[in-house]
């Protein structure tokens, strides 16, 4: 309002580098510096108005999508879109016998750019370190550990724990994960708490069943993963039965019943639903 002016700057360039090294035909080392994601396709539109909690936009950047399955666990504790504007990144993934390894490190400049220049954290970077190791048990079961760490301006968020997937007979599968977080926020306050999740599946020709249970403590935080709401317990069950007359036109039909509920750690019933279908 006092003295409007036209801002300008000289044209400039930026050099980027991508590298890939295959080690003994078992492990792949990827590195990137100043990656250019300008050609990545846009996100699918989602309604974000009046949403109580964060909306998930899936990762689409090639560097983070490649071999991302090495970091998958029952709960989404590695959500690479948290690394908004990487200055550099390095990833080692591979499998040797029953052992599967995934390591990821990145330098994110975005937190230091998202604050005013007068802020003490202006220009500072966030550093991510993620490690995932799992071991096969038989042909269809695994057990593994995960550790994530985000450091920024003296603050940190560290999450670590164990998870597993077990095949029980021909029809049943069980997943579990238990982790704990330790967080020191930028203002110096401290939070800590566990997370536990369990999933049981039955898959058959006629009878199918799903059981999901998740419990996040009030102090649980994951700044490397995706968690819409902490401090709640979630229970969800789905059962369906298929009649299979094997007719000329009707192949299968049957009922589906789902029940879900959410409670906080004070015992308050926050939400529930019953969903019958045919």
C-alpha atoms as a PDB file:
ATOM      1  CA  UNK A   1       0.000   0.000   0.000  1.00  0.00           C
ATOM      2  CA  UNK A   2       2.928   2.392   0.526  1.00  0.00           C
ATOM      3  CA  UNK A   3       5.202   1.696  -2.422  1.00  0.00           C
ATOM      4  CA  UNK A   4       4.143  -1.131  -4.766  1.00  0.00           C
ATOM      5  CA  UNK A   5       7.050  -2.393  -6.855  1.00  0.00           C
ATOM      6  CA  UNK A   6       7.698  -5.159  -9.352  1.00  0.00           C
ATOM      7  CA  UNK A   7       9.982  -7.829  -7.928  1.00  0.00           C
ATOM      8  CA  UNK A   8      12.377  -9.624 -10.220  1.00  0.00           C
ATOM      9  CA  UNK A   9      15.480 -11.761 -10.156  1.00  0.00           C
ATOM     10  CA  UNK A  10      17.996 -12.997 -12.677  1.00  0.00           C
ATOM     11  CA  UNK A  11      17.390 -16.306 -14.413  1.00  0.00           C
ATOM     12  CA  UNK A  12      19.305 -19.134 -12.826  1.00  0.00           C
ATOM     13  CA  UNK A  13      19.830 -22.856 -13.253  1.00  0.00           C
ATOM     14  CA  UNK A  14      20.000 -25.791 -10.881  1.00  0.00           C
ATOM     15  CA  UNK A  15      21.923 -29.018 -11.333  1.00  0.00           C
ATOM     16  CA  UNK A  16      20.403 -32.334 -10.287  1.00  0.00           C
ATOM     17  CA  UNK A  17      21.821 -35.845 -10.143  1.00  0.00           C
ATOM     18  CA  UNK A  18      20.368 -39.351  -9.977  1.00  0.00           C
ATOM     19  CA  UNK A  19      22.435 -42.508  -9.535  1.00  0.00           C
ATOM     20  CA  UNK A  20      21.765 -46.232  -9.241  1.00  0.00           C
ATOM     21  CA  UNK A  21      24.226 -48.968  -8.266  1.00  0.00           C
ATOM     22  CA  UNK A  22      23.429 -52.707  -8.154  1.00  0.00           C
ATOM     23  CA  UNK A  23      25.413 -54.589  -5.501  1.00  0.00           C
ATOM     24  CA  UNK A  24      26.032 -58.333  -6.023  1.00  0.00           C
ATOM     25  CA  UNK A  25      22.680 -58.682  -7.836  1.00  0.00           C
ATOM     26  CA  UNK A  26      20.941 -58.531  -4.461  1.00  0.00           C
ATOM     27  CA  UNK A  27      20.870 -54.930  -3.312  1.00  0.00           C
ATOM     28  CA  UNK A  28      20.169 -51.653  -5.099  1.00  0.00           C
ATOM     29  CA  UNK A  29      21.624 -48.329  -3.978  1.00  0.00           C
ATOM     30  CA  UNK A  30      19.748 -45.254  -5.248  1.00  0.00           C
ATOM     31  CA  UNK A  31      20.797 -41.670  -4.686  1.00  0.00           C
ATOM     32  CA  UNK A  32      19.409 -38.326  -5.763  1.00  0.00           C
ATOM     33  CA  UNK A  33      20.468 -34.699  -5.324  1.00  0.00           C
ATOM     34  CA  UNK A  34      18.234 -31.731  -6.149  1.00  0.00           C
ATOM     35  CA  UNK A  35      15.588 -34.029  -7.672  1.00  0.00           C
ATOM     36  CA  UNK A  36      13.164 -32.489 -10.161  1.00  0.00           C
ATOM     37  CA  UNK A  37       9.578 -33.646  -9.610  1.00  0.00           C
ATOM     38  CA  UNK A  38       7.962 -31.096 -11.908  1.00  0.00           C
ATOM     39  CA  UNK A  39       6.754 -33.795 -14.305  1.00  0.00           C
ATOM     40  CA  UNK A  40       4.940 -35.824 -11.639  1.00  0.00           C
ATOM     41  CA  UNK A  41       1.218 -36.095 -12.353  1.00  0.00           C
ATOM     42  CA  UNK A  42      -1.180 -34.068 -10.235  1.00  0.00           C
ATOM     43  CA  UNK A  43      -3.024 -35.536  -7.274  1.00  0.00           C
ATOM     44  CA  UNK A  44      -6.539 -36.848  -7.748  1.00  0.00           C
ATOM     45  CA  UNK A  45      -9.018 -34.283  -6.377  1.00  0.00           C
ATOM     46  CA  UNK A  46     -10.321 -34.911  -2.862  1.00  0.00           C
ATOM     47  CA  UNK A  47     -12.765 -33.007  -0.709  1.00  0.00           C
ATOM     48  CA  UNK A  48     -10.730 -31.290   2.013  1.00  0.00           C
ATOM     49  CA  UNK A  49     -13.346 -28.751   3.169  1.00  0.00           C
ATOM     50  CA  UNK A  50     -14.686 -29.315   6.704  1.00  0.00           C
ATOM     51  CA  UNK A  51     -12.519 -32.397   7.221  1.00  0.00           C
ATOM     52  CA  UNK A  52     -11.686 -32.947  10.881  1.00  0.00           C
ATOM     53  CA  UNK A  53      -8.495 -34.834  10.078  1.00  0.00           C
ATOM     54  CA  UNK A  54      -5.752 -34.935   7.479  1.00  0.00           C
ATOM     55  CA  UNK A  55      -6.620 -36.322   4.041  1.00  0.00           C
ATOM     56  CA  UNK A  56      -4.284 -38.886   2.479  1.00  0.00           C
ATOM     57  CA  UNK A  57      -2.763 -38.000  -0.892  1.00  0.00           C
ATOM     58  CA  UNK A  58      -0.702 -40.992  -2.102  1.00  0.00           C
ATOM     59  CA  UNK A  59       2.950 -40.740  -3.084  1.00  0.00           C
ATOM     60  CA  UNK A  60       3.611 -40.286  -6.832  1.00  0.00           C
ATOM     61  CA  UNK A  61       7.251 -39.176  -7.031  1.00  0.00           C
ATOM     62  CA  UNK A  62       9.397 -41.792  -8.806  1.00  0.00           C
ATOM     63  CA  UNK A  63      12.343 -41.789  -6.386  1.00  0.00           C
ATOM     64  CA  UNK A  64      10.088 -42.575  -3.428  1.00  0.00           C
ATOM     65  CA  UNK A  65       7.756 -44.939  -5.283  1.00  0.00           C
ATOM     66  CA  UNK A  66      10.497 -47.286  -6.486  1.00  0.00           C
ATOM     67  CA  UNK A  67      10.951 -50.218  -4.085  1.00  0.00           C
ATOM     68  CA  UNK A  68       8.595 -48.574  -1.592  1.00  0.00           C
ATOM     69  CA  UNK A  69       7.207 -52.047  -0.768  1.00  0.00           C
ATOM     70  CA  UNK A  70      10.358 -52.690   1.278  1.00  0.00           C
ATOM     71  CA  UNK A  71       9.069 -50.223   3.901  1.00  0.00           C
ATOM     72  CA  UNK A  72       5.449 -51.425   4.118  1.00  0.00           C
ATOM     73  CA  UNK A  73       4.203 -52.547   7.551  1.00  0.00           C
ATOM     74  CA  UNK A  74       0.670 -53.202   8.874  1.00  0.00           C
ATOM     75  CA  UNK A  75       0.375 -49.554   9.989  1.00  0.00           C
ATOM     76  CA  UNK A  76       1.496 -46.755   7.668  1.00  0.00           C
ATOM     77  CA  UNK A  77       4.607 -45.565   9.512  1.00  0.00           C
ATOM     78  CA  UNK A  78       6.587 -44.657   6.365  1.00  0.00           C
ATOM     79  CA  UNK A  79       4.718 -42.010   4.372  1.00  0.00           C
ATOM     80  CA  UNK A  80       7.352 -40.420   2.160  1.00  0.00           C
ATOM     81  CA  UNK A  81       5.252 -37.389   1.244  1.00  0.00           C
ATOM     82  CA  UNK A  82       6.326 -36.072   4.633  1.00  0.00           C
ATOM     83  CA  UNK A  83       9.653 -35.422   2.877  1.00  0.00           C
ATOM     84  CA  UNK A  84       8.273 -32.422   1.028  1.00  0.00           C
ATOM     85  CA  UNK A  85      11.277 -30.903  -0.744  1.00  0.00           C
ATOM     86  CA  UNK A  86      14.319 -33.179  -0.544  1.00  0.00           C
ATOM     87  CA  UNK A  87      17.747 -31.640  -1.085  1.00  0.00           C
ATOM     88  CA  UNK A  88      19.173 -35.124  -1.354  1.00  0.00           C
ATOM     89  CA  UNK A  89      18.091 -38.683  -0.678  1.00  0.00           C
ATOM     90  CA  UNK A  90      19.703 -42.110  -0.570  1.00  0.00           C
ATOM     91  CA  UNK A  91      18.049 -45.546  -0.422  1.00  0.00           C
ATOM     92  CA  UNK A  92      19.356 -49.108  -0.106  1.00  0.00           C
ATOM     93  CA  UNK A  93      16.938 -51.975  -0.730  1.00  0.00           C
ATOM     94  CA  UNK A  94      17.336 -55.657  -1.427  1.00  0.00           C
ATOM     95  CA  UNK A  95      16.913 -59.253  -0.337  1.00  0.00           C
ATOM     96  CA  UNK A  96      19.530 -61.872   0.561  1.00  0.00           C
ATOM     97  CA  UNK A  97      18.077 -65.276   1.362  1.00  0.00           C
ATOM     98  CA  UNK A  98      15.379 -64.851   4.038  1.00  0.00           C
ATOM     99  CA  UNK A  99      16.542 -61.319   4.928  1.00  0.00           C
ATOM    100  CA  UNK A 100      14.932 -58.216   3.397  1.00  0.00           C
ATOM    101  CA  UNK A 101      16.485 -54.783   3.991  1.00  0.00           C
ATOM    102  CA  UNK A 102      15.287 -51.240   3.329  1.00  0.00           C
ATOM    103  CA  UNK A 103      17.245 -48.128   4.381  1.00  0.00           C
ATOM    104  CA  UNK A 104      16.306 -44.557   3.518  1.00  0.00           C
ATOM    105  CA  UNK A 105      17.850 -41.201   4.382  1.00  0.00           C
ATOM    106  CA  UNK A 106      16.822 -37.735   3.199  1.00  0.00           C
ATOM    107  CA  UNK A 107      17.465 -34.036   3.776  1.00  0.00           C
ATOM    108  CA  UNK A 108      14.268 -31.954   3.562  1.00  0.00           C
ATOM    109  CA  UNK A 109      14.551 -28.177   3.141  1.00  0.00           C
ATOM    110  CA  UNK A 110      10.792 -27.503   3.294  1.00  0.00           C
ATOM    111  CA  UNK A 111      10.417 -26.891   7.078  1.00  0.00           C
ATOM    112  CA  UNK A 112      12.939 -24.052   6.941  1.00  0.00           C
ATOM    113  CA  UNK A 113      11.145 -22.477   3.976  1.00  0.00           C
ATOM    114  CA  UNK A 114       7.628 -22.734   5.409  1.00  0.00           C
ATOM    115  CA  UNK A 115       8.304 -20.184   8.169  1.00  0.00           C
ATOM    116  CA  UNK A 116       8.950 -16.423   7.923  1.00  0.00           C
ATOM    117  CA  UNK A 117      12.552 -15.301   7.495  1.00  0.00           C
ATOM    118  CA  UNK A 118      12.394 -13.779  10.970  1.00  0.00           C
ATOM    119  CA  UNK A 119      11.655 -17.207  12.505  1.00  0.00           C
ATOM    120  CA  UNK A 120      14.646 -18.799  14.317  1.00  0.00           C
ATOM    121  CA  UNK A 121      14.051 -21.997  12.302  1.00  0.00           C
ATOM    122  CA  UNK A 122      14.171 -20.268   8.909  1.00  0.00           C
ATOM    123  CA  UNK A 123      16.581 -21.992   6.554  1.00  0.00           C
ATOM    124  CA  UNK A 124      16.976 -25.099   8.730  1.00  0.00           C
ATOM    125  CA  UNK A 125      16.582 -28.599   7.296  1.00  0.00           C
ATOM    126  CA  UNK A 126      14.783 -31.698   8.552  1.00  0.00           C
ATOM    127  CA  UNK A 127      16.640 -35.020   8.372  1.00  0.00           C
ATOM    128  CA  UNK A 128      14.922 -38.385   7.941  1.00  0.00           C
ATOM    129  CA  UNK A 129      16.425 -41.789   8.734  1.00  0.00           C
ATOM    130  CA  UNK A 130      14.349 -44.928   8.137  1.00  0.00           C
ATOM    131  CA  UNK A 131      15.388 -48.573   8.567  1.00  0.00           C
ATOM    132  CA  UNK A 132      13.327 -51.673   7.862  1.00  0.00           C
ATOM    133  CA  UNK A 133      14.583 -55.272   8.232  1.00  0.00           C
ATOM    134  CA  UNK A 134      12.441 -58.410   7.955  1.00  0.00           C
ATOM    135  CA  UNK A 135      13.052 -62.156   7.968  1.00  0.00           C
ATOM    136  CA  UNK A 136      11.004 -64.800   6.167  1.00  0.00           C
ATOM    137  CA  UNK A 137       9.572 -67.649   8.228  1.00  0.00           C
ATOM    138  CA  UNK A 138       8.699 -70.519   5.936  1.00  0.00           C
ATOM    139  CA  UNK A 139       7.162 -69.609   2.602  1.00  0.00           C
ATOM    140  CA  UNK A 140       4.407 -67.160   3.591  1.00  0.00           C
ATOM    141  CA  UNK A 141       5.219 -65.711   7.029  1.00  0.00           C
ATOM    142  CA  UNK A 142       7.565 -62.903   8.058  1.00  0.00           C
ATOM    143  CA  UNK A 143       8.739 -61.034  11.128  1.00  0.00           C
ATOM    144  CA  UNK A 144      10.499 -57.678  11.076  1.00  0.00           C
ATOM    145  CA  UNK A 145      11.524 -54.472  12.800  1.00  0.00           C
ATOM    146  CA  UNK A 146      11.115 -50.826  11.791  1.00  0.00           C
ATOM    147  CA  UNK A 147      12.793 -47.636  13.017  1.00  0.00           C
ATOM    148  CA  UNK A 148      12.091 -44.082  11.840  1.00  0.00           C
ATOM    149  CA  UNK A 149      13.696 -40.833  12.973  1.00  0.00           C
ATOM    150  CA  UNK A 150      12.965 -37.218  12.014  1.00  0.00           C
ATOM    151  CA  UNK A 151      15.242 -34.492  13.373  1.00  0.00           C
ATOM    152  CA  UNK A 152      14.591 -30.764  13.012  1.00  0.00           C
ATOM    153  CA  UNK A 153      15.975 -27.752  14.882  1.00  0.00           C
ATOM    154  CA  UNK A 154      16.648 -29.690  18.079  1.00  0.00           C
ATOM    155  CA  UNK A 155      13.328 -31.518  17.967  1.00  0.00           C
ATOM    156  CA  UNK A 156      12.928 -35.187  17.091  1.00  0.00           C
ATOM    157  CA  UNK A 157      10.365 -37.901  16.465  1.00  0.00           C
ATOM    158  CA  UNK A 158      11.550 -41.498  16.812  1.00  0.00           C
ATOM    159  CA  UNK A 159       9.376 -44.566  16.295  1.00  0.00           C
ATOM    160  CA  UNK A 160      10.512 -48.172  16.601  1.00  0.00           C
ATOM    161  CA  UNK A 161       9.011 -51.608  17.018  1.00  0.00           C
ATOM    162  CA  UNK A 162       8.283 -55.098  15.726  1.00  0.00           C
ATOM    163  CA  UNK A 163       5.738 -56.518  13.310  1.00  0.00           C
ATOM    164  CA  UNK A 164       4.848 -59.823  11.723  1.00  0.00           C
ATOM    165  CA  UNK A 165       2.648 -61.629   9.236  1.00  0.00           C
ATOM    166  CA  UNK A 166       1.716 -65.285   9.765  1.00  0.00           C
ATOM    167  CA  UNK A 167      -0.112 -67.729   7.537  1.00  0.00           C
ATOM    168  CA  UNK A 168      -2.252 -70.142   9.582  1.00  0.00           C
ATOM    169  CA  UNK A 169      -3.464 -73.090   7.574  1.00  0.00           C
ATOM    170  CA  UNK A 170      -4.893 -72.621   4.117  1.00  0.00           C
ATOM    171  CA  UNK A 171      -7.413 -69.877   4.918  1.00  0.00           C
ATOM    172  CA  UNK A 172      -6.232 -67.727   7.845  1.00  0.00           C
ATOM    173  CA  UNK A 173      -3.686 -64.902   7.948  1.00  0.00           C
ATOM    174  CA  UNK A 174      -2.736 -62.747  10.945  1.00  0.00           C
ATOM    175  CA  UNK A 175      -0.818 -59.440  10.963  1.00  0.00           C
ATOM    176  CA  UNK A 176       0.386 -57.554  14.021  1.00  0.00           C
ATOM    177  CA  UNK A 177       2.549 -54.547  14.821  1.00  0.00           C
ATOM    178  CA  UNK A 178       3.650 -52.986  18.083  1.00  0.00           C
ATOM    179  CA  UNK A 179       5.740 -49.789  18.223  1.00  0.00           C
ATOM    180  CA  UNK A 180       6.495 -46.924  20.581  1.00  0.00           C
ATOM    181  CA  UNK A 181       7.231 -43.291  19.789  1.00  0.00           C
ATOM    182  CA  UNK A 182       9.390 -40.673  21.496  1.00  0.00           C
ATOM    183  CA  UNK A 183       8.875 -37.049  20.484  1.00  0.00           C
ATOM    184  CA  UNK A 184      10.460 -33.778  21.557  1.00  0.00           C
ATOM    185  CA  UNK A 185       8.624 -30.917  19.883  1.00  0.00           C
ATOM    186  CA  UNK A 186      10.107 -27.632  18.727  1.00  0.00           C
ATOM    187  CA  UNK A 187       8.728 -25.867  21.803  1.00  0.00           C
ATOM    188  CA  UNK A 188      10.576 -28.330  24.067  1.00  0.00           C
ATOM    189  CA  UNK A 189       7.557 -30.353  25.218  1.00  0.00           C
ATOM    190  CA  UNK A 190       7.865 -34.140  25.261  1.00  0.00           C
ATOM    191  CA  UNK A 191       5.398 -36.828  24.169  1.00  0.00           C
ATOM    192  CA  UNK A 192       5.636 -40.609  24.146  1.00  0.00           C
ATOM    193  CA  UNK A 193       3.344 -43.580  23.723  1.00  0.00           C
ATOM    194  CA  UNK A 194       2.765 -46.942  22.051  1.00  0.00           C
ATOM    195  CA  UNK A 195       0.769 -48.115  19.063  1.00  0.00           C
ATOM    196  CA  UNK A 196      -0.593 -51.622  18.594  1.00  0.00           C
ATOM    197  CA  UNK A 197      -2.464 -53.008  15.614  1.00  0.00           C
ATOM    198  CA  UNK A 198      -3.742 -56.505  14.783  1.00  0.00           C
ATOM    199  CA  UNK A 199      -5.498 -57.826  11.697  1.00  0.00           C
ATOM    200  CA  UNK A 200      -6.952 -61.304  11.145  1.00  0.00           C
ATOM    201  CA  UNK A 201      -8.218 -62.477   7.758  1.00  0.00           C
ATOM    202  CA  UNK A 202     -10.045 -65.575   6.591  1.00  0.00           C
ATOM    203  CA  UNK A 203     -10.277 -66.066   2.851  1.00  0.00           C
ATOM    204  CA  UNK A 204     -12.301 -68.905   1.440  1.00  0.00           C
ATOM    205  CA  UNK A 205     -14.560 -69.774  -1.417  1.00  0.00           C
ATOM    206  CA  UNK A 206     -17.691 -69.186   0.648  1.00  0.00           C
ATOM    207  CA  UNK A 207     -16.830 -67.722   4.066  1.00  0.00           C
ATOM    208  CA  UNK A 208     -14.672 -64.596   4.407  1.00  0.00           C
ATOM    209  CA  UNK A 209     -13.896 -62.701   7.586  1.00  0.00           C
ATOM    210  CA  UNK A 210     -11.818 -59.637   8.565  1.00  0.00           C
ATOM    211  CA  UNK A 211     -10.953 -58.395  12.043  1.00  0.00           C
ATOM    212  CA  UNK A 212      -9.075 -55.109  12.537  1.00  0.00           C
ATOM    213  CA  UNK A 213      -8.003 -53.615  15.860  1.00  0.00           C
ATOM    214  CA  UNK A 214      -5.867 -50.523  16.337  1.00  0.00           C
ATOM    215  CA  UNK A 215      -4.879 -48.697  19.525  1.00  0.00           C
ATOM    216  CA  UNK A 216      -2.855 -45.436  19.522  1.00  0.00           C
ATOM    217  CA  UNK A 217      -1.873 -43.803  22.802  1.00  0.00           C
ATOM    218  CA  UNK A 218      -2.540 -40.113  23.439  1.00  0.00           C
ATOM    219  CA  UNK A 219       1.188 -39.377  23.254  1.00  0.00           C
ATOM    220  CA  UNK A 220       1.876 -41.405  20.124  1.00  0.00           C
ATOM    221  CA  UNK A 221       3.178 -39.403  17.166  1.00  0.00           C
ATOM    222  CA  UNK A 222       4.672 -40.381  13.822  1.00  0.00           C
ATOM    223  CA  UNK A 223       6.162 -37.560  11.757  1.00  0.00           C
ATOM    224  CA  UNK A 224       7.505 -40.016   9.180  1.00  0.00           C
ATOM    225  CA  UNK A 225       4.197 -41.869   8.789  1.00  0.00           C
ATOM    226  CA  UNK A 226       0.502 -41.143   8.351  1.00  0.00           C
ATOM    227  CA  UNK A 227      -1.725 -41.101  11.424  1.00  0.00           C
ATOM    228  CA  UNK A 228      -4.956 -39.134  11.221  1.00  0.00           C
ATOM    229  CA  UNK A 229      -5.809 -39.222  14.924  1.00  0.00           C
ATOM    230  CA  UNK A 230      -3.946 -40.367  18.015  1.00  0.00           C
ATOM    231  CA  UNK A 231      -5.406 -41.384  21.366  1.00  0.00           C
ATOM    232  CA  UNK A 232      -8.122 -43.724  20.055  1.00  0.00           C
ATOM    233  CA  UNK A 233      -9.052 -47.403  19.836  1.00  0.00           C
ATOM    234  CA  UNK A 234     -10.608 -48.641  16.593  1.00  0.00           C
ATOM    235  CA  UNK A 235     -12.384 -51.983  16.126  1.00  0.00           C
ATOM    236  CA  UNK A 236     -13.747 -53.146  12.781  1.00  0.00           C
ATOM    237  CA  UNK A 237     -15.160 -56.515  11.691  1.00  0.00           C
ATOM    238  CA  UNK A 238     -16.458 -57.683   8.315  1.00  0.00           C
ATOM    239  CA  UNK A 239     -18.014 -61.076   7.564  1.00  0.00           C
ATOM    240  CA  UNK A 240     -19.557 -62.281   4.341  1.00  0.00           C
ATOM    241  CA  UNK A 241     -20.885 -65.597   3.101  1.00  0.00           C
ATOM    242  CA  UNK A 242     -21.290 -66.457  -0.580  1.00  0.00           C
ATOM    243  CA  UNK A 243     -23.854 -68.957  -1.798  1.00  0.00           C
ATOM    244  CA  UNK A 244     -22.650 -70.413  -5.103  1.00  0.00           C
ATOM    245  CA  UNK A 245     -25.466 -71.955  -7.115  1.00  0.00           C
ATOM    246  CA  UNK A 246     -23.158 -72.124 -10.153  1.00  0.00           C
ATOM    247  CA  UNK A 247     -26.101 -71.354 -12.403  1.00  0.00           C
ATOM    248  CA  UNK A 248     -25.986 -70.189 -15.972  1.00  0.00           C
ATOM    249  CA  UNK A 249     -26.304 -66.523 -15.027  1.00  0.00           C
ATOM    250  CA  UNK A 250     -26.072 -66.286 -11.216  1.00  0.00           C
ATOM    251  CA  UNK A 251     -22.569 -67.239 -10.052  1.00  0.00           C
ATOM    252  CA  UNK A 252     -22.723 -66.194  -6.393  1.00  0.00           C
ATOM    253  CA  UNK A 253     -24.777 -64.193  -3.911  1.00  0.00           C
ATOM    254  CA  UNK A 254     -24.753 -63.621  -0.178  1.00  0.00           C
ATOM    255  CA  UNK A 255     -24.937 -61.285   2.834  1.00  0.00           C
ATOM    256  CA  UNK A 256     -22.165 -58.971   4.097  1.00  0.00           C
ATOM    257  CA  UNK A 257     -22.162 -57.545   7.608  1.00  0.00           C
ATOM    258  CA  UNK A 258     -19.751 -54.936   8.960  1.00  0.00           C
ATOM    259  CA  UNK A 259     -19.496 -53.416  12.427  1.00  0.00           C
ATOM    260  CA  UNK A 260     -17.050 -50.691  13.481  1.00  0.00           C
ATOM    261  CA  UNK A 261     -16.490 -48.611  16.588  1.00  0.00           C
ATOM    262  CA  UNK A 262     -14.092 -45.924  17.858  1.00  0.00           C
ATOM    263  CA  UNK A 263     -13.365 -45.060  21.512  1.00  0.00           C
ATOM    264  CA  UNK A 264     -10.889 -42.701  23.132  1.00  0.00           C
ATOM    265  CA  UNK A 265      -8.682 -43.637  26.087  1.00  0.00           C
ATOM    266  CA  UNK A 266     -11.058 -41.984  28.541  1.00  0.00           C
ATOM    267  CA  UNK A 267     -13.712 -44.518  27.543  1.00  0.00           C
ATOM    268  CA  UNK A 268     -15.823 -42.130  25.472  1.00  0.00           C
ATOM    269  CA  UNK A 269     -17.663 -43.749  22.574  1.00  0.00           C
ATOM    270  CA  UNK A 270     -16.795 -41.502  19.622  1.00  0.00           C
ATOM    271  CA  UNK A 271     -18.267 -43.304  16.638  1.00  0.00           C
ATOM    272  CA  UNK A 272     -19.811 -46.588  15.552  1.00  0.00           C
ATOM    273  CA  UNK A 273     -21.540 -48.057  12.557  1.00  0.00           C
ATOM    274  CA  UNK A 274     -23.405 -51.171  11.430  1.00  0.00           C
ATOM    275  CA  UNK A 275     -23.461 -51.851   7.690  1.00  0.00           C
ATOM    276  CA  UNK A 276     -25.581 -54.767   6.409  1.00  0.00           C
ATOM    277  CA  UNK A 277     -25.368 -55.528   2.690  1.00  0.00           C
ATOM    278  CA  UNK A 278     -26.601 -58.166   0.273  1.00  0.00           C
END
